[in-house]
Amino acid sequence: GVLRGLVVPFTTIGVGAEAARKQVEAELTGKRTDVAGAGFRLALILGLGVAIFFLGAVLWSVLADGLSYLSDRGSGFLGDNVSSRSSEYGIFEGLRGTFWIGVFVVVFAFPTGIAAAIYLEEYAPKNRLTAFIELNIRNLAGVPSVVYGVLGLSIFVNRLDGFFPNSVERHLGATTAAAGATLAILVLPIVIITSSEAIRAVPRALREGGYGVGATKWEVTRHHVLPYAAPGILTGTLLSLARALGEAAPLILVGGVLGSLGPQSGLFEVEQLGEQFTAMPLLITQLAKKPASVGDWTGATSAAIVVLLAVVILANTIAILLRNHFEKKRGG
């Protein structure tokens, strides 16, 4: 009698569970029209298409004029100095300045920013002071570049005399080193933020596994955290370098020359750091002001833009190769 009374409840439970399972399965696999989701996806695709269209139109216009001008000038456009004639114009001085500014950013901004990110994420105590510091770093990343130009003019040019006070040339503090330091300070908050995000994305279990085998804090950071976060760190730092190479306003404020510099150091000579400078963004700004009726200045401007794009793409390619290397190493 007792067993017969228990059959009905268990049967009811079984039937109810089966019915609920079928109902959930029907709701998950059933064909329903998600109008809101389809509309949102269509809006995303439309936005992407519009962005690609305008970007492609700009690139097509620049490449058409720039490649034609480069084919006519050949290597002379890369090796000659600034000239008043479009047929003799060269961007060697701009390439030299951009190269050394990029070197300055890589040497000073990258190690400093990555070290600051490691300290904030791995060593600094989580209190109000560190939260205040992180908040100000994020605020500094959004400050207009012209403000950093004023900072570089006040400190690196006027106070420190471009880091070369005993130089023979009368540069008045407007040196390549001052420009590089200004852009290094400009991208430093971006390097810290991107590196912090990459380090924060490292799984907690990876750190605990290192501590579990007796590793020290530095050993865990060096052999576990940094190799895992290296792809994200490289991506962020190289993107910040691309931004630094394209900035013009800070360079104008710290005394970048818009015309010819005359005979100066070669491309790889360190003496260039203590001399006056110009850079690719400054030359492009100056070329864009030239009247198109006098000469083929439109072609020269487009060609300079193409060269700067090639430099940025080269830097990004190096970043992608390094990122893939560290990802394979992490996966292995």
C-alpha atoms as a PDB file:
ATOM      1  CA  GLY A   1       0.000   0.000   0.000  1.00  0.00           C
ATOM      2  CA  VAL A   2       2.850   2.354   0.792  1.00  0.00           C
ATOM      3  CA  LEU A   3       4.626   1.677  -2.518  1.00  0.00           C
ATOM      4  CA  ARG A   4       1.408   2.053  -4.456  1.00  0.00           C
ATOM      5  CA  GLY A   5       0.903   5.491  -2.916  1.00  0.00           C
ATOM      6  CA  LEU A   6       4.399   6.626  -3.927  1.00  0.00           C
ATOM      7  CA  VAL A   7       4.011   5.745  -7.600  1.00  0.00           C
ATOM      8  CA  VAL A   8       1.720   8.641  -8.424  1.00  0.00           C
ATOM      9  CA  PRO A   9       3.970  11.459  -7.062  1.00  0.00           C
ATOM     10  CA  PHE A  10       7.104  10.092  -8.754  1.00  0.00           C
ATOM     11  CA  THR A  11       5.235   9.610 -12.003  1.00  0.00           C
ATOM     12  CA  THR A  12       3.956  13.166 -11.820  1.00  0.00           C
ATOM     13  CA  ILE A  13       7.445  14.484 -11.194  1.00  0.00           C
ATOM     14  CA  GLY A  14       8.855  12.520 -14.119  1.00  0.00           C
ATOM     15  CA  VAL A  15       6.178  13.687 -16.519  1.00  0.00           C
ATOM     16  CA  GLY A  16       6.578  17.298 -15.385  1.00  0.00           C
ATOM     17  CA  ALA A  17      10.358  17.244 -15.849  1.00  0.00           C
ATOM     18  CA  GLU A  18      10.059  15.706 -19.315  1.00  0.00           C
ATOM     19  CA  ALA A  19       7.473  18.267 -20.351  1.00  0.00           C
ATOM     20  CA  ALA A  20       9.634  21.083 -19.047  1.00  0.00           C
ATOM     21  CA  ARG A  21      12.654  19.712 -20.929  1.00  0.00           C
ATOM     22  CA  LYS A  22      10.720  19.545 -24.173  1.00  0.00           C
ATOM     23  CA  GLN A  23       9.352  23.033 -23.680  1.00  0.00           C
ATOM     24  CA  VAL A  24      12.817  24.506 -23.055  1.00  0.00           C
ATOM     25  CA  GLU A  25      14.216  22.602 -26.038  1.00  0.00           C
ATOM     26  CA  ALA A  26      11.442  23.918 -28.262  1.00  0.00           C
ATOM     27  CA  GLU A  27      12.059  27.482 -27.099  1.00  0.00           C
ATOM     28  CA  LEU A  28      15.799  27.209 -27.711  1.00  0.00           C
ATOM     29  CA  THR A  29      15.669  25.458 -31.076  1.00  0.00           C
ATOM     30  CA  GLY A  30      12.375  26.797 -32.343  1.00  0.00           C
ATOM     31  CA  LYS A  31      12.294  29.187 -35.278  1.00  0.00           C
ATOM     32  CA  ARG A  32      11.465  32.636 -33.935  1.00  0.00           C
ATOM     33  CA  THR A  33      12.021  35.985 -35.564  1.00  0.00           C
ATOM     34  CA  ASP A  34      14.280  38.221 -33.459  1.00  0.00           C
ATOM     35  CA  VAL A  35      13.333  41.570 -34.940  1.00  0.00           C
ATOM     36  CA  ALA A  36      15.353  43.679 -32.505  1.00  0.00           C
ATOM     37  CA  GLY A  37      18.470  41.529 -32.888  1.00  0.00           C
ATOM     38  CA  ALA A  38      18.252  41.528 -36.671  1.00  0.00           C
ATOM     39  CA  GLY A  39      17.810  45.309 -36.737  1.00  0.00           C
ATOM     40  CA  PHE A  40      20.801  45.830 -34.444  1.00  0.00           C
ATOM     41  CA  ARG A  41      22.972  43.532 -36.573  1.00  0.00           C
ATOM     42  CA  LEU A  42      21.870  45.354 -39.720  1.00  0.00           C
ATOM     43  CA  ALA A  43      22.796  48.709 -38.127  1.00  0.00           C
ATOM     44  CA  LEU A  44      26.249  47.389 -37.223  1.00  0.00           C
ATOM     45  CA  ILE A  45      26.846  46.097 -40.744  1.00  0.00           C
ATOM     46  CA  LEU A  46      25.643  49.403 -42.200  1.00  0.00           C
ATOM     47  CA  GLY A  47      27.978  51.398 -39.946  1.00  0.00           C
ATOM     48  CA  LEU A  48      30.912  49.186 -40.880  1.00  0.00           C
ATOM     49  CA  GLY A  49      30.098  49.531 -44.563  1.00  0.00           C
ATOM     50  CA  VAL A  50      29.906  53.339 -44.391  1.00  0.00           C
ATOM     51  CA  ALA A  51      33.243  53.518 -42.547  1.00  0.00           C
ATOM     52  CA  ILE A  52      34.939  51.214 -45.056  1.00  0.00           C
ATOM     53  CA  PHE A  53      33.465  53.174 -47.956  1.00  0.00           C
ATOM     54  CA  PHE A  54      34.804  56.542 -46.830  1.00  0.00           C
ATOM     55  CA  LEU A  55      38.139  55.074 -45.780  1.00  0.00           C
ATOM     56  CA  GLY A  56      38.471  53.346 -49.134  1.00  0.00           C
ATOM     57  CA  ALA A  57      37.575  56.538 -51.014  1.00  0.00           C
ATOM     58  CA  VAL A  58      40.245  58.522 -49.158  1.00  0.00           C
ATOM     59  CA  LEU A  59      42.866  55.816 -49.648  1.00  0.00           C
ATOM     60  CA  TRP A  60      42.022  55.501 -53.345  1.00  0.00           C
ATOM     61  CA  SER A  61      42.439  59.243 -53.880  1.00  0.00           C
ATOM     62  CA  VAL A  62      45.722  59.385 -51.955  1.00  0.00           C
ATOM     63  CA  LEU A  63      47.187  56.259 -53.529  1.00  0.00           C
ATOM     64  CA  ALA A  64      46.251  57.286 -57.075  1.00  0.00           C
ATOM     65  CA  ASP A  65      48.071  60.628 -56.835  1.00  0.00           C
ATOM     66  CA  GLY A  66      50.854  59.461 -54.537  1.00  0.00           C
ATOM     67  CA  LEU A  67      51.934  56.377 -56.464  1.00  0.00           C
ATOM     68  CA  SER A  68      51.928  58.321 -59.722  1.00  0.00           C
ATOM     69  CA  TYR A  69      54.196  60.972 -58.208  1.00  0.00           C
ATOM     70  CA  LEU A  70      56.473  58.336 -56.669  1.00  0.00           C
ATOM     71  CA  SER A  71      56.826  56.523 -59.981  1.00  0.00           C
ATOM     72  CA  ASP A  72      57.940  59.775 -61.630  1.00  0.00           C
ATOM     73  CA  ARG A  73      60.400  60.801 -58.910  1.00  0.00           C
ATOM     74  CA  GLY A  74      61.647  57.383 -57.871  1.00  0.00           C
ATOM     75  CA  SER A  75      64.131  57.225 -55.006  1.00  0.00           C
ATOM     76  CA  GLY A  76      64.877  60.938 -55.358  1.00  0.00           C
ATOM     77  CA  PHE A  77      61.728  61.761 -53.415  1.00  0.00           C
ATOM     78  CA  LEU A  78      63.022  59.745 -50.461  1.00  0.00           C
ATOM     79  CA  GLY A  79      66.635  60.928 -50.635  1.00  0.00           C
ATOM     80  CA  ASP A  80      66.358  64.622 -51.509  1.00  0.00           C
ATOM     81  CA  ASN A  81      65.789  67.556 -49.168  1.00  0.00           C
ATOM     82  CA  VAL A  82      62.948  70.033 -49.127  1.00  0.00           C
ATOM     83  CA  SER A  83      62.776  72.203 -52.237  1.00  0.00           C
ATOM     84  CA  SER A  84      60.674  75.077 -53.533  1.00  0.00           C
ATOM     85  CA  ARG A  85      59.913  73.083 -56.697  1.00  0.00           C
ATOM     86  CA  SER A  86      57.551  70.147 -56.667  1.00  0.00           C
ATOM     87  CA  SER A  87      59.658  68.302 -59.238  1.00  0.00           C
ATOM     88  CA  GLU A  88      62.704  68.429 -56.907  1.00  0.00           C
ATOM     89  CA  TYR A  89      60.989  68.042 -53.544  1.00  0.00           C
ATOM     90  CA  GLY A  90      62.328  65.401 -51.133  1.00  0.00           C
ATOM     91  CA  ILE A  91      61.336  64.126 -47.703  1.00  0.00           C
ATOM     92  CA  PHE A  92      64.655  62.803 -46.393  1.00  0.00           C
ATOM     93  CA  GLU A  93      64.750  65.356 -43.562  1.00  0.00           C
ATOM     94  CA  GLY A  94      61.232  64.413 -42.503  1.00  0.00           C
ATOM     95  CA  LEU A  95      62.041  60.703 -42.542  1.00  0.00           C
ATOM     96  CA  ARG A  96      65.139  61.316 -40.452  1.00  0.00           C
ATOM     97  CA  GLY A  97      63.224  63.296 -37.851  1.00  0.00           C
ATOM     98  CA  THR A  98      60.380  60.768 -37.723  1.00  0.00           C
ATOM     99  CA  PHE A  99      62.867  57.911 -37.337  1.00  0.00           C
ATOM    100  CA  TRP A 100      64.642  59.476 -34.357  1.00  0.00           C
ATOM    101  CA  ILE A 101      61.389  60.573 -32.723  1.00  0.00           C
ATOM    102  CA  GLY A 102      60.152  56.986 -33.035  1.00  0.00           C
ATOM    103  CA  VAL A 103      63.399  55.707 -31.513  1.00  0.00           C
ATOM    104  CA  PHE A 104      63.002  58.143 -28.622  1.00  0.00           C
ATOM    105  CA  VAL A 105      59.423  56.986 -28.009  1.00  0.00           C
ATOM    106  CA  VAL A 106      60.396  53.296 -28.119  1.00  0.00           C
ATOM    107  CA  VAL A 107      63.413  53.712 -25.844  1.00  0.00           C
ATOM    108  CA  PHE A 108      61.786  55.885 -23.175  1.00  0.00           C
ATOM    109  CA  ALA A 109      57.987  55.565 -23.305  1.00  0.00           C
ATOM    110  CA  PHE A 110      57.698  51.800 -23.750  1.00  0.00           C
ATOM    111  CA  PRO A 111      59.909  50.586 -20.858  1.00  0.00           C
ATOM    112  CA  THR A 112      58.603  53.282 -18.518  1.00  0.00           C
ATOM    113  CA  GLY A 113      54.959  52.630 -19.352  1.00  0.00           C
ATOM    114  CA  ILE A 114      55.249  48.838 -19.128  1.00  0.00           C
ATOM    115  CA  ALA A 115      57.136  49.084 -15.821  1.00  0.00           C
ATOM    116  CA  ALA A 116      54.473  51.408 -14.401  1.00  0.00           C
ATOM    117  CA  ALA A 117      51.742  48.996 -15.504  1.00  0.00           C
ATOM    118  CA  ILE A 118      53.523  46.050 -13.874  1.00  0.00           C
ATOM    119  CA  TYR A 119      53.866  47.939 -10.614  1.00  0.00           C
ATOM    120  CA  LEU A 120      50.227  49.079 -10.554  1.00  0.00           C
ATOM    121  CA  GLU A 121      48.854  45.619 -11.334  1.00  0.00           C
ATOM    122  CA  GLU A 122      51.262  43.315  -9.503  1.00  0.00           C
ATOM    123  CA  TYR A 123      52.942  45.214  -6.677  1.00  0.00           C
ATOM    124  CA  ALA A 124      50.986  48.349  -5.712  1.00  0.00           C
ATOM    125  CA  PRO A 125      48.469  47.969  -2.875  1.00  0.00           C
ATOM    126  CA  LYS A 126      44.840  48.413  -3.872  1.00  0.00           C
ATOM    127  CA  ASN A 127      43.897  51.564  -1.987  1.00  0.00           C
ATOM    128  CA  ARG A 128      42.612  55.065  -2.678  1.00  0.00           C
ATOM    129  CA  LEU A 129      46.024  56.353  -3.720  1.00  0.00           C
ATOM    130  CA  THR A 130      46.493  53.806  -6.498  1.00  0.00           C
ATOM    131  CA  ALA A 131      42.874  54.283  -7.603  1.00  0.00           C
ATOM    132  CA  PHE A 132      43.513  58.028  -7.784  1.00  0.00           C
ATOM    133  CA  ILE A 133      46.693  57.473  -9.812  1.00  0.00           C
ATOM    134  CA  GLU A 134      44.931  55.129 -12.253  1.00  0.00           C
ATOM    135  CA  LEU A 135      42.079  57.607 -12.671  1.00  0.00           C
ATOM    136  CA  ASN A 136      44.499  60.422 -13.521  1.00  0.00           C
ATOM    137  CA  ILE A 137      46.389  58.219 -15.982  1.00  0.00           C
ATOM    138  CA  ARG A 138      43.134  57.536 -17.840  1.00  0.00           C
ATOM    139  CA  ASN A 139      42.328  61.242 -17.807  1.00  0.00           C
ATOM    140  CA  LEU A 140      45.761  62.086 -19.220  1.00  0.00           C
ATOM    141  CA  ALA A 141      45.175  59.680 -22.107  1.00  0.00           C
ATOM    142  CA  GLY A 142      42.314  61.903 -23.253  1.00  0.00           C
ATOM    143  CA  VAL A 143      44.146  65.237 -23.024  1.00  0.00           C
ATOM    144  CA  PRO A 144      44.538  66.965 -26.436  1.00  0.00           C
ATOM    145  CA  SER A 145      47.978  66.609 -27.959  1.00  0.00           C
ATOM    146  CA  VAL A 146      48.464  70.367 -28.159  1.00  0.00           C
ATOM    147  CA  VAL A 147      48.557  70.472 -24.337  1.00  0.00           C
ATOM    148  CA  TYR A 148      51.518  68.108 -24.374  1.00  0.00           C
ATOM    149  CA  GLY A 149      53.110  70.400 -26.934  1.00  0.00           C
ATOM    150  CA  VAL A 150      52.847  73.298 -24.475  1.00  0.00           C
ATOM    151  CA  LEU A 151      54.346  71.060 -21.771  1.00  0.00           C
ATOM    152  CA  GLY A 152      57.263  70.109 -24.033  1.00  0.00           C
ATOM    153  CA  LEU A 153      57.852  73.734 -24.979  1.00  0.00           C
ATOM    154  CA  SER A 154      57.907  74.836 -21.343  1.00  0.00           C
ATOM    155  CA  ILE A 155      60.068  72.038 -19.908  1.00  0.00           C
ATOM    156  CA  PHE A 156      62.133  70.352 -22.601  1.00  0.00           C
ATOM    157  CA  VAL A 157      62.743  73.373 -24.840  1.00  0.00           C
ATOM    158  CA  ASN A 158      62.848  76.407 -22.526  1.00  0.00           C
ATOM    159  CA  ARG A 159      64.042  74.869 -19.251  1.00  0.00           C
ATOM    160  CA  LEU A 160      66.265  72.010 -20.427  1.00  0.00           C
ATOM    161  CA  ASP A 161      67.389  73.649 -23.709  1.00  0.00           C
ATOM    162  CA  GLY A 162      66.499  70.578 -25.734  1.00  0.00           C
ATOM    163  CA  PHE A 163      68.835  68.358 -23.615  1.00  0.00           C
ATOM    164  CA  PHE A 164      71.829  69.838 -25.499  1.00  0.00           C
ATOM    165  CA  PRO A 165      72.723  73.172 -23.864  1.00  0.00           C
ATOM    166  CA  ASN A 166      76.368  73.051 -25.023  1.00  0.00           C
ATOM    167  CA  SER A 167      75.638  72.310 -28.664  1.00  0.00           C
ATOM    168  CA  VAL A 168      77.478  74.425 -31.229  1.00  0.00           C
ATOM    169  CA  GLU A 169      74.363  74.926 -33.327  1.00  0.00           C
ATOM    170  CA  ARG A 170      71.994  77.640 -32.168  1.00  0.00           C
ATOM    171  CA  HIS A 171      68.866  75.535 -31.969  1.00  0.00           C
ATOM    172  CA  LEU A 172      67.252  77.506 -29.068  1.00  0.00           C
ATOM    173  CA  GLY A 173      66.153  74.239 -27.448  1.00  0.00           C
ATOM    174  CA  ALA A 174      64.123  73.039 -30.460  1.00  0.00           C
ATOM    175  CA  THR A 175      65.949  69.722 -30.923  1.00  0.00           C
ATOM    176  CA  THR A 176      64.971  66.265 -32.055  1.00  0.00           C
ATOM    177  CA  ALA A 177      65.441  65.014 -28.492  1.00  0.00           C
ATOM    178  CA  ALA A 178      62.959  67.591 -27.172  1.00  0.00           C
ATOM    179  CA  ALA A 179      60.420  66.529 -29.802  1.00  0.00           C
ATOM    180  CA  GLY A 180      60.937  62.846 -28.998  1.00  0.00           C
ATOM    181  CA  ALA A 181      60.549  63.459 -25.259  1.00  0.00           C
ATOM    182  CA  THR A 182      57.333  65.405 -25.860  1.00  0.00           C
ATOM    183  CA  LEU A 183      55.777  62.608 -27.900  1.00  0.00           C
ATOM    184  CA  ALA A 184      57.037  60.014 -25.414  1.00  0.00           C
ATOM    185  CA  ILE A 185      55.131  61.826 -22.661  1.00  0.00           C
ATOM    186  CA  LEU A 186      52.127  62.044 -25.002  1.00  0.00           C
ATOM    187  CA  VAL A 187      51.828  58.283 -25.512  1.00  0.00           C
ATOM    188  CA  LEU A 188      52.954  57.249 -22.015  1.00  0.00           C
ATOM    189  CA  PRO A 189      49.405  57.105 -20.523  1.00  0.00           C
ATOM    190  CA  ILE A 190      48.232  55.001 -23.481  1.00  0.00           C
ATOM    191  CA  VAL A 191      51.107  52.562 -23.001  1.00  0.00           C
ATOM    192  CA  ILE A 192      50.328  52.254 -19.283  1.00  0.00           C
ATOM    193  CA  ILE A 193      46.606  51.655 -19.876  1.00  0.00           C
ATOM    194  CA  THR A 194      47.023  49.062 -22.627  1.00  0.00           C
ATOM    195  CA  SER A 195      49.749  47.231 -20.716  1.00  0.00           C
ATOM    196  CA  SER A 196      47.639  47.231 -17.537  1.00  0.00           C
ATOM    197  CA  GLU A 197      44.671  45.760 -19.389  1.00  0.00           C
ATOM    198  CA  ALA A 198      46.862  43.032 -20.896  1.00  0.00           C
ATOM    199  CA  ILE A 199      48.351  42.146 -17.497  1.00  0.00           C
ATOM    200  CA  ARG A 200      44.920  42.201 -15.851  1.00  0.00           C
ATOM    201  CA  ALA A 201      43.667  39.678 -18.422  1.00  0.00           C
ATOM    202  CA  VAL A 202      46.192  37.047 -17.264  1.00  0.00           C
ATOM    203  CA  PRO A 203      44.284  34.231 -15.487  1.00  0.00           C
ATOM    204  CA  ARG A 204      44.579  34.173 -11.732  1.00  0.00           C
ATOM    205  CA  ALA A 205      45.230  30.433 -11.808  1.00  0.00           C
ATOM    206  CA  LEU A 206      48.466  31.027 -13.723  1.00  0.00           C
ATOM    207  CA  ARG A 207      49.828  33.131 -10.892  1.00  0.00           C
ATOM    208  CA  GLU A 208      48.631  30.685  -8.227  1.00  0.00           C
ATOM    209  CA  GLY A 209      50.295  27.813 -10.066  1.00  0.00           C
ATOM    210  CA  GLY A 210      53.618  29.667  -9.956  1.00  0.00           C
ATOM    211  CA  TYR A 211      53.265  30.437  -6.276  1.00  0.00           C
ATOM    212  CA  GLY A 212      52.287  26.821  -5.646  1.00  0.00           C
ATOM    213  CA  VAL A 213      55.676  25.537  -6.829  1.00  0.00           C
ATOM    214  CA  GLY A 214      57.554  28.049  -4.684  1.00  0.00           C
ATOM    215  CA  ALA A 215      58.236  30.839  -7.181  1.00  0.00           C
ATOM    216  CA  THR A 216      58.779  34.388  -5.936  1.00  0.00           C
ATOM    217  CA  LYS A 217      56.730  37.405  -6.935  1.00  0.00           C
ATOM    218  CA  TRP A 218      59.275  38.488  -9.541  1.00  0.00           C
ATOM    219  CA  GLU A 219      59.657  34.961 -10.949  1.00  0.00           C
ATOM    220  CA  VAL A 220      55.903  34.643 -11.411  1.00  0.00           C
ATOM    221  CA  THR A 221      55.759  38.054 -13.060  1.00  0.00           C
ATOM    222  CA  ARG A 222      58.793  37.413 -15.258  1.00  0.00           C
ATOM    223  CA  HIS A 223      58.133  33.830 -16.362  1.00  0.00           C
ATOM    224  CA  HIS A 224      54.329  33.604 -16.260  1.00  0.00           C
ATOM    225  CA  VAL A 225      52.541  36.959 -16.347  1.00  0.00           C
ATOM    226  CA  LEU A 226      54.646  38.891 -18.856  1.00  0.00           C
ATOM    227  CA  PRO A 227      54.912  36.125 -21.507  1.00  0.00           C
ATOM    228  CA  TYR A 228      51.137  35.604 -21.333  1.00  0.00           C
ATOM    229  CA  ALA A 229      50.432  39.355 -21.557  1.00  0.00           C
ATOM    230  CA  ALA A 230      53.113  40.081 -24.190  1.00  0.00           C
ATOM    231  CA  PRO A 231      50.770  39.943 -27.247  1.00  0.00           C
ATOM    232  CA  GLY A 232      48.391  42.501 -25.767  1.00  0.00           C
ATOM    233  CA  ILE A 233      51.236  44.721 -24.569  1.00  0.00           C
ATOM    234  CA  LEU A 234      52.889  44.719 -28.006  1.00  0.00           C
ATOM    235  CA  THR A 235      49.630  45.553 -29.753  1.00  0.00           C
ATOM    236  CA  GLY A 236      48.928  48.520 -27.493  1.00  0.00           C
ATOM    237  CA  THR A 237      52.435  49.922 -27.524  1.00  0.00           C
ATOM    238  CA  LEU A 238      52.801  49.768 -31.305  1.00  0.00           C
ATOM    239  CA  LEU A 239      49.418  51.447 -31.769  1.00  0.00           C
ATOM    240  CA  SER A 240      50.615  54.252 -29.510  1.00  0.00           C
ATOM    241  CA  LEU A 241      53.778  54.523 -31.624  1.00  0.00           C
ATOM    242  CA  ALA A 242      51.626  54.885 -34.735  1.00  0.00           C
ATOM    243  CA  ARG A 243      49.789  57.755 -33.070  1.00  0.00           C
ATOM    244  CA  ALA A 244      53.040  59.438 -32.063  1.00  0.00           C
ATOM    245  CA  LEU A 245      54.419  59.279 -35.600  1.00  0.00           C
ATOM    246  CA  GLY A 246      51.317  61.020 -36.951  1.00  0.00           C
ATOM    247  CA  GLU A 247      51.139  63.947 -34.504  1.00  0.00           C
ATOM    248  CA  ALA A 248      51.868  67.417 -35.876  1.00  0.00           C
ATOM    249  CA  ALA A 249      50.570  69.945 -33.320  1.00  0.00           C
ATOM    250  CA  PRO A 250      53.074  69.117 -30.517  1.00  0.00           C
ATOM    251  CA  LEU A 251      55.972  69.196 -32.977  1.00  0.00           C
ATOM    252  CA  ILE A 252      54.975  72.643 -34.217  1.00  0.00           C
ATOM    253  CA  LEU A 253      54.854  73.954 -30.650  1.00  0.00           C
ATOM    254  CA  VAL A 254      58.295  72.591 -29.717  1.00  0.00           C
ATOM    255  CA  GLY A 255      59.876  74.283 -32.729  1.00  0.00           C
ATOM    256  CA  GLY A 256      59.668  71.881 -35.642  1.00  0.00           C
ATOM    257  CA  VAL A 257      60.942  73.424 -38.890  1.00  0.00           C
ATOM    258  CA  LEU A 258      58.442  73.547 -41.755  1.00  0.00           C
ATOM    259  CA  GLY A 259      61.082  74.266 -44.408  1.00  0.00           C
ATOM    260  CA  SER A 260      64.507  72.974 -45.314  1.00  0.00           C
ATOM    261  CA  LEU A 261      67.073  72.378 -42.581  1.00  0.00           C
ATOM    262  CA  GLY A 262      70.109  72.589 -44.817  1.00  0.00           C
ATOM    263  CA  PRO A 263      73.072  70.179 -44.600  1.00  0.00           C
ATOM    264  CA  GLN A 264      72.909  68.187 -41.369  1.00  0.00           C
ATOM    265  CA  SER A 265      73.659  64.747 -39.938  1.00  0.00           C
ATOM    266  CA  GLY A 266      72.905  61.488 -41.703  1.00  0.00           C
ATOM    267  CA  LEU A 267      69.963  59.216 -40.949  1.00  0.00           C
ATOM    268  CA  PHE A 268      71.643  56.996 -38.340  1.00  0.00           C
ATOM    269  CA  GLU A 269      73.963  59.573 -36.736  1.00  0.00           C
ATOM    270  CA  VAL A 270      73.181  60.231 -33.080  1.00  0.00           C
ATOM    271  CA  GLU A 271      74.175  63.904 -33.487  1.00  0.00           C
ATOM    272  CA  GLN A 272      70.752  64.409 -35.046  1.00  0.00           C
ATOM    273  CA  LEU A 273      69.261  64.393 -31.527  1.00  0.00           C
ATOM    274  CA  GLY A 274      70.917  67.734 -30.744  1.00  0.00           C
ATOM    275  CA  GLU A 275      69.973  69.495 -33.992  1.00  0.00           C
ATOM    276  CA  GLN A 276      66.899  71.214 -35.342  1.00  0.00           C
ATOM    277  CA  PHE A 277      64.321  68.864 -36.743  1.00  0.00           C
ATOM    278  CA  THR A 278      61.364  68.362 -38.970  1.00  0.00           C
ATOM    279  CA  ALA A 279      59.120  65.314 -39.340  1.00  0.00           C
ATOM    280  CA  MET A 280      56.756  63.735 -41.812  1.00  0.00           C
ATOM    281  CA  PRO A 281      53.549  65.229 -40.293  1.00  0.00           C
ATOM    282  CA  LEU A 282      55.096  68.708 -40.510  1.00  0.00           C
ATOM    283  CA  LEU A 283      56.111  68.240 -44.139  1.00  0.00           C
ATOM    284  CA  ILE A 284      52.638  66.953 -45.009  1.00  0.00           C
ATOM    285  CA  THR A 285      51.074  69.968 -43.283  1.00  0.00           C
ATOM    286  CA  GLN A 286      53.318  72.315 -45.237  1.00  0.00           C
ATOM    287  CA  LEU A 287      52.742  70.511 -48.540  1.00  0.00           C
ATOM    288  CA  ALA A 288      48.975  70.670 -48.119  1.00  0.00           C
ATOM    289  CA  LYS A 289      49.194  74.485 -48.055  1.00  0.00           C
ATOM    290  CA  LYS A 290      50.992  74.694 -51.391  1.00  0.00           C
ATOM    291  CA  PRO A 291      48.904  75.998 -54.324  1.00  0.00           C
ATOM    292  CA  ALA A 292      48.059  73.218 -56.775  1.00  0.00           C
ATOM    293  CA  SER A 293      48.253  75.628 -59.729  1.00  0.00           C
ATOM    294  CA  VAL A 294      52.016  76.251 -59.338  1.00  0.00           C
ATOM    295  CA  GLY A 295      53.210  72.631 -59.473  1.00  0.00           C
ATOM    296  CA  ASP A 296      52.248  69.060 -58.697  1.00  0.00           C
ATOM    297  CA  TRP A 297      52.030  69.728 -54.978  1.00  0.00           C
ATOM    298  CA  THR A 298      48.939  67.548 -54.672  1.00  0.00           C
ATOM    299  CA  GLY A 299      50.959  64.573 -55.898  1.00  0.00           C
ATOM    300  CA  ALA A 300      53.823  65.420 -53.541  1.00  0.00           C
ATOM    301  CA  THR A 301      51.407  65.638 -50.596  1.00  0.00           C
ATOM    302  CA  SER A 302      49.813  62.314 -51.467  1.00  0.00           C
ATOM    303  CA  ALA A 303      53.227  60.700 -51.920  1.00  0.00           C
ATOM    304  CA  ALA A 304      54.355  61.911 -48.490  1.00  0.00           C
ATOM    305  CA  ILE A 305      51.158  60.501 -46.971  1.00  0.00           C
ATOM    306  CA  VAL A 306      51.778  57.166 -48.700  1.00  0.00           C
ATOM    307  CA  VAL A 307      55.318  57.012 -47.301  1.00  0.00           C
ATOM    308  CA  LEU A 308      54.101  57.799 -43.772  1.00  0.00           C
ATOM    309  CA  LEU A 309      51.404  55.117 -44.114  1.00  0.00           C
ATOM    310  CA  ALA A 310      54.080  52.660 -45.226  1.00  0.00           C
ATOM    311  CA  VAL A 311      56.160  53.487 -42.125  1.00  0.00           C
ATOM    312  CA  VAL A 312      53.165  52.976 -39.839  1.00  0.00           C
ATOM    313  CA  ILE A 313      52.189  49.725 -41.578  1.00  0.00           C
ATOM    314  CA  LEU A 314      55.770  48.495 -41.222  1.00  0.00           C
ATOM    315  CA  ALA A 315      55.666  49.189 -37.471  1.00  0.00           C
ATOM    316  CA  ASN A 316      52.310  47.404 -37.168  1.00  0.00           C
ATOM    317  CA  THR A 317      53.648  44.446 -39.162  1.00  0.00           C
ATOM    318  CA  ILE A 318      56.540  44.091 -36.743  1.00  0.00           C
ATOM    319  CA  ALA A 319      54.051  44.199 -33.864  1.00  0.00           C
ATOM    320  CA  ILE A 320      51.898  41.493 -35.470  1.00  0.00           C
ATOM    321  CA  LEU A 321      54.893  39.225 -36.040  1.00  0.00           C
ATOM    322  CA  LEU A 322      56.079  39.650 -32.460  1.00  0.00           C
ATOM    323  CA  ARG A 323      52.549  39.083 -31.147  1.00  0.00           C
ATOM    324  CA  ASN A 324      52.190  35.874 -33.150  1.00  0.00           C
ATOM    325  CA  HIS A 325      55.584  34.725 -31.898  1.00  0.00           C
ATOM    326  CA  PHE A 326      54.594  35.199 -28.259  1.00  0.00           C
ATOM    327  CA  GLU A 327      51.167  33.638 -28.835  1.00  0.00           C
ATOM    328  CA  LYS A 328      52.777  30.508 -30.290  1.00  0.00           C
ATOM    329  CA  LYS A 329      55.241  30.438 -27.443  1.00  0.00           C
ATOM    330  CA  ARG A 330      52.390  30.805 -24.944  1.00  0.00           C
ATOM    331  CA  GLY A 331      50.374  28.095 -26.656  1.00  0.00           C
ATOM    332  CA  GLY A 332      53.329  25.726 -26.698  1.00  0.00           C
END
